[in-house]
Structures are given as C-alpha cells and as structure tokens.
Amino acid sequence: MSENNDQQQITMVDENGNEELYNVLFTFESPDYHKSYILLYPTGKADDEEVDIQAYQLADGDDPANPQGGDLLPIENDDEWDMVESMLNTFLNGGGTDASDQDWGVPDPK
C-alpha cells in the first residue's frame, strides 16, 4: 500500500497480470464475523463519475487501520455481503466508517 495525499492506495493485479491502482474507500472490522473488510474504487475517476466499488475480506491478522497484507479474499457469504452493503450505505449517507460507531446490537460499555 502507498500513501498519496493522505489517500491510501493499493495496486490490484488481475488474472492476466495487468495492474490497476485503487483508492481505499474505507476499512472496518465486524465483531459479528470476527473479520476485517476493505472497500476500494479505481483511481483516476472524476468526482461526478460513477465508480465501481469493490469489497474484499482482509486476510487474518491484517490491520484494517493500516492494511499491509498481500491477499484480499472474496466475500462468499450472503449475510456478510448484506452487512458490507449496510456499512457502505452508512458511509455514503455520512454515518461514518468506524465499526465501533455502528449499531451492532451490542450494549455500549461506556
């Protein structure tokens, strides 16, 4: 991963060996699934242009606050996809991206 104007970026390599640079939209941890996730979109898009946001599971042990691992895993569970989509919708509606800010049905220890 590299830093560019405080925007985290990651290079993805497709099955043909082609590299494409992506911006990290956000990462988060899910206490329900005990996993971390990353949402990405291709760099170089205009602000008013529609973008394809991609979501992946981070490898076990990869820190979502500063992901450095090389493997992004597909999300294969429909319930996990629903949760990731909910987090994305919360983010897009200005609700933040910190999993501790989300209502996971767990009482706040404060």
C-alpha atoms as a PDB file:
ATOM      1  CA  MET A   1       0.000   0.000   0.000  1.00  0.00           C
ATOM      2  CA  SER A   2       1.185   3.533  -0.582  1.00  0.00           C
ATOM      3  CA  GLU A   3       0.206   6.972   0.608  1.00  0.00           C
ATOM      4  CA  ASN A   4      -0.742   9.670  -1.868  1.00  0.00           C
ATOM      5  CA  ASN A   5      -2.144  12.937  -0.495  1.00  0.00           C
ATOM      6  CA  ASP A   6      -3.353  11.108   2.630  1.00  0.00           C
ATOM      7  CA  GLN A   7      -5.325   8.704   0.403  1.00  0.00           C
ATOM      8  CA  GLN A   8      -4.397   5.051   0.840  1.00  0.00           C
ATOM      9  CA  GLN A   9      -3.933   3.228  -2.430  1.00  0.00           C
ATOM     10  CA  ILE A  10      -3.439  -0.375  -3.392  1.00  0.00           C
ATOM     11  CA  THR A  11      -2.375  -1.992  -6.658  1.00  0.00           C
ATOM     12  CA  MET A  12      -4.534  -4.895  -7.783  1.00  0.00           C
ATOM     13  CA  VAL A  13      -3.268  -7.470 -10.290  1.00  0.00           C
ATOM     14  CA  ASP A  14      -5.857  -9.285 -12.406  1.00  0.00           C
ATOM     15  CA  GLU A  15      -5.664 -12.848 -13.738  1.00  0.00           C
ATOM     16  CA  ASN A  16      -3.811 -11.576 -16.852  1.00  0.00           C
ATOM     17  CA  GLY A  17      -1.119  -9.823 -14.819  1.00  0.00           C
ATOM     18  CA  ASN A  18      -2.489  -6.340 -15.532  1.00  0.00           C
ATOM     19  CA  GLU A  19      -2.036  -3.869 -12.678  1.00  0.00           C
ATOM     20  CA  GLU A  20      -4.627  -1.254 -11.709  1.00  0.00           C
ATOM     21  CA  LEU A  21      -4.370   1.314  -8.927  1.00  0.00           C
ATOM     22  CA  TYR A  22      -7.276   1.578  -6.459  1.00  0.00           C
ATOM     23  CA  ASN A  23      -8.085   4.062  -3.709  1.00  0.00           C
ATOM     24  CA  VAL A  24      -9.101   2.656  -0.336  1.00  0.00           C
ATOM     25  CA  LEU A  25     -12.579   3.980   0.435  1.00  0.00           C
ATOM     26  CA  PHE A  26     -12.504   2.582   3.989  1.00  0.00           C
ATOM     27  CA  THR A  27     -11.750  -0.489   6.046  1.00  0.00           C
ATOM     28  CA  PHE A  28     -13.626  -1.862   9.033  1.00  0.00           C
ATOM     29  CA  GLU A  29     -13.871  -4.777  11.428  1.00  0.00           C
ATOM     30  CA  SER A  30     -17.053  -6.754  12.046  1.00  0.00           C
ATOM     31  CA  PRO A  31     -17.484  -8.048  15.584  1.00  0.00           C
ATOM     32  CA  ASP A  32     -20.216 -10.407  14.356  1.00  0.00           C
ATOM     33  CA  TYR A  33     -17.985 -12.185  11.824  1.00  0.00           C
ATOM     34  CA  HIS A  34     -14.632 -11.541  13.546  1.00  0.00           C
ATOM     35  CA  LYS A  35     -13.224 -10.417  10.201  1.00  0.00           C
ATOM     36  CA  SER A  36     -11.978  -7.207   8.621  1.00  0.00           C
ATOM     37  CA  TYR A  37     -13.039  -5.791   5.268  1.00  0.00           C
ATOM     38  CA  ILE A  38     -11.737  -3.281   2.744  1.00  0.00           C
ATOM     39  CA  LEU A  39     -13.692  -1.280   0.146  1.00  0.00           C
ATOM     40  CA  LEU A  40     -11.869   0.014  -2.931  1.00  0.00           C
ATOM     41  CA  TYR A  41     -12.545   2.029  -6.081  1.00  0.00           C
ATOM     42  CA  PRO A  42     -10.382   2.668  -9.169  1.00  0.00           C
ATOM     43  CA  THR A  43      -8.216   5.794  -9.139  1.00  0.00           C
ATOM     44  CA  GLY A  44      -8.479   8.435 -11.836  1.00  0.00           C
ATOM     45  CA  LYS A  45     -12.248   8.845 -11.787  1.00  0.00           C
ATOM     46  CA  ALA A  46     -13.790  12.311 -11.961  1.00  0.00           C
ATOM     47  CA  ASP A  47     -15.764  13.431  -8.907  1.00  0.00           C
ATOM     48  CA  ASP A  48     -19.061  13.278 -10.804  1.00  0.00           C
ATOM     49  CA  GLU A  49     -18.298   9.943 -12.481  1.00  0.00           C
ATOM     50  CA  GLU A  50     -19.930   6.727 -11.268  1.00  0.00           C
ATOM     51  CA  VAL A  51     -17.421   4.295  -9.781  1.00  0.00           C
ATOM     52  CA  ASP A  52     -17.421   0.559  -9.226  1.00  0.00           C
ATOM     53  CA  ILE A  53     -16.778  -0.048  -5.525  1.00  0.00           C
ATOM     54  CA  GLN A  54     -15.254  -3.426  -4.745  1.00  0.00           C
ATOM     55  CA  ALA A  55     -15.266  -5.111  -1.335  1.00  0.00           C
ATOM     56  CA  TYR A  56     -12.965  -7.812  -0.002  1.00  0.00           C
ATOM     57  CA  GLN A  57     -12.204  -9.574   3.240  1.00  0.00           C
ATOM     58  CA  LEU A  58      -8.744  -8.825   4.622  1.00  0.00           C
ATOM     59  CA  ALA A  59      -6.506 -11.763   5.430  1.00  0.00           C
ATOM     60  CA  ASP A  60      -6.482 -12.832   9.094  1.00  0.00           C
ATOM     61  CA  GLY A  61      -4.120 -10.678  11.112  1.00  0.00           C
ATOM     62  CA  ASP A  62      -4.091  -7.778   8.628  1.00  0.00           C
ATOM     63  CA  ASP A  63      -4.741  -4.499  10.475  1.00  0.00           C
ATOM     64  CA  PRO A  64      -7.772  -2.739   8.940  1.00  0.00           C
ATOM     65  CA  ALA A  65      -6.409   0.634  10.107  1.00  0.00           C
ATOM     66  CA  ASN A  66      -3.256   0.075   8.035  1.00  0.00           C
ATOM     67  CA  PRO A  67      -3.626  -2.974   5.772  1.00  0.00           C
ATOM     68  CA  GLN A  68      -0.261  -4.234   4.563  1.00  0.00           C
ATOM     69  CA  GLY A  69      -1.019  -7.810   3.569  1.00  0.00           C
ATOM     70  CA  GLY A  70      -0.935  -9.021   0.014  1.00  0.00           C
ATOM     71  CA  ASP A  71      -4.068 -11.131  -0.090  1.00  0.00           C
ATOM     72  CA  LEU A  72      -7.608  -9.841  -0.442  1.00  0.00           C
ATOM     73  CA  LEU A  73     -10.160 -12.587  -0.053  1.00  0.00           C
ATOM     74  CA  PRO A  74     -13.554 -12.778  -1.755  1.00  0.00           C
ATOM     75  CA  ILE A  75     -16.665 -12.370   0.363  1.00  0.00           C
ATOM     76  CA  GLU A  76     -18.644 -15.544  -0.242  1.00  0.00           C
ATOM     77  CA  ASN A  77     -21.369 -15.429   2.416  1.00  0.00           C
ATOM     78  CA  ASP A  78     -24.644 -13.630   1.529  1.00  0.00           C
ATOM     79  CA  ASP A  79     -25.119 -12.438   5.118  1.00  0.00           C
ATOM     80  CA  GLU A  80     -21.621 -10.923   5.087  1.00  0.00           C
ATOM     81  CA  TRP A  81     -22.412  -9.172   1.784  1.00  0.00           C
ATOM     82  CA  ASP A  82     -25.563  -7.712   3.326  1.00  0.00           C
ATOM     83  CA  MET A  83     -23.535  -6.423   6.284  1.00  0.00           C
ATOM     84  CA  VAL A  84     -20.858  -4.912   3.989  1.00  0.00           C
ATOM     85  CA  GLU A  85     -23.544  -3.239   1.853  1.00  0.00           C
ATOM     86  CA  SER A  86     -25.108  -1.834   5.020  1.00  0.00           C
ATOM     87  CA  MET A  87     -21.729  -0.399   6.084  1.00  0.00           C
ATOM     88  CA  LEU A  88     -21.258   1.108   2.611  1.00  0.00           C
ATOM     89  CA  ASN A  89     -24.723   2.685   2.697  1.00  0.00           C
ATOM     90  CA  THR A  90     -23.990   4.096   6.156  1.00  0.00           C
ATOM     91  CA  PHE A  91     -20.730   5.553   4.838  1.00  0.00           C
ATOM     92  CA  LEU A  92     -22.370   7.024   1.718  1.00  0.00           C
ATOM     93  CA  ASN A  93     -25.072   8.615   3.879  1.00  0.00           C
ATOM     94  CA  GLY A  94     -22.481  10.303   6.112  1.00  0.00           C
ATOM     95  CA  GLY A  95     -22.730   7.902   9.031  1.00  0.00           C
ATOM     96  CA  GLY A  96     -19.013   7.207   9.451  1.00  0.00           C
ATOM     97  CA  THR A  97     -16.970   4.097   8.874  1.00  0.00           C
ATOM     98  CA  ASP A  98     -15.788   3.071  12.305  1.00  0.00           C
ATOM     99  CA  ALA A  99     -17.372  -0.245  13.250  1.00  0.00           C
ATOM    100  CA  SER A 100     -17.490   0.929  16.861  1.00  0.00           C
ATOM    101  CA  ASP A 101     -19.840   3.719  15.710  1.00  0.00           C
ATOM    102  CA  GLN A 102     -22.299   1.231  14.234  1.00  0.00           C
ATOM    103  CA  ASP A 103     -25.286  -0.321  15.971  1.00  0.00           C
ATOM    104  CA  TRP A 104     -24.325  -3.993  16.119  1.00  0.00           C
ATOM    105  CA  GLY A 105     -26.911  -4.807  18.776  1.00  0.00           C
ATOM    106  CA  VAL A 106     -24.228  -4.915  21.477  1.00  0.00           C
ATOM    107  CA  PRO A 107     -24.615  -2.635  24.513  1.00  0.00           C
ATOM    108  CA  ASP A 108     -22.137   0.249  24.671  1.00  0.00           C
ATOM    109  CA  PRO A 109     -19.672  -0.447  27.517  1.00  0.00           C
ATOM    110  CA  LYS A 110     -19.359   3.290  28.338  1.00  0.00           C
END
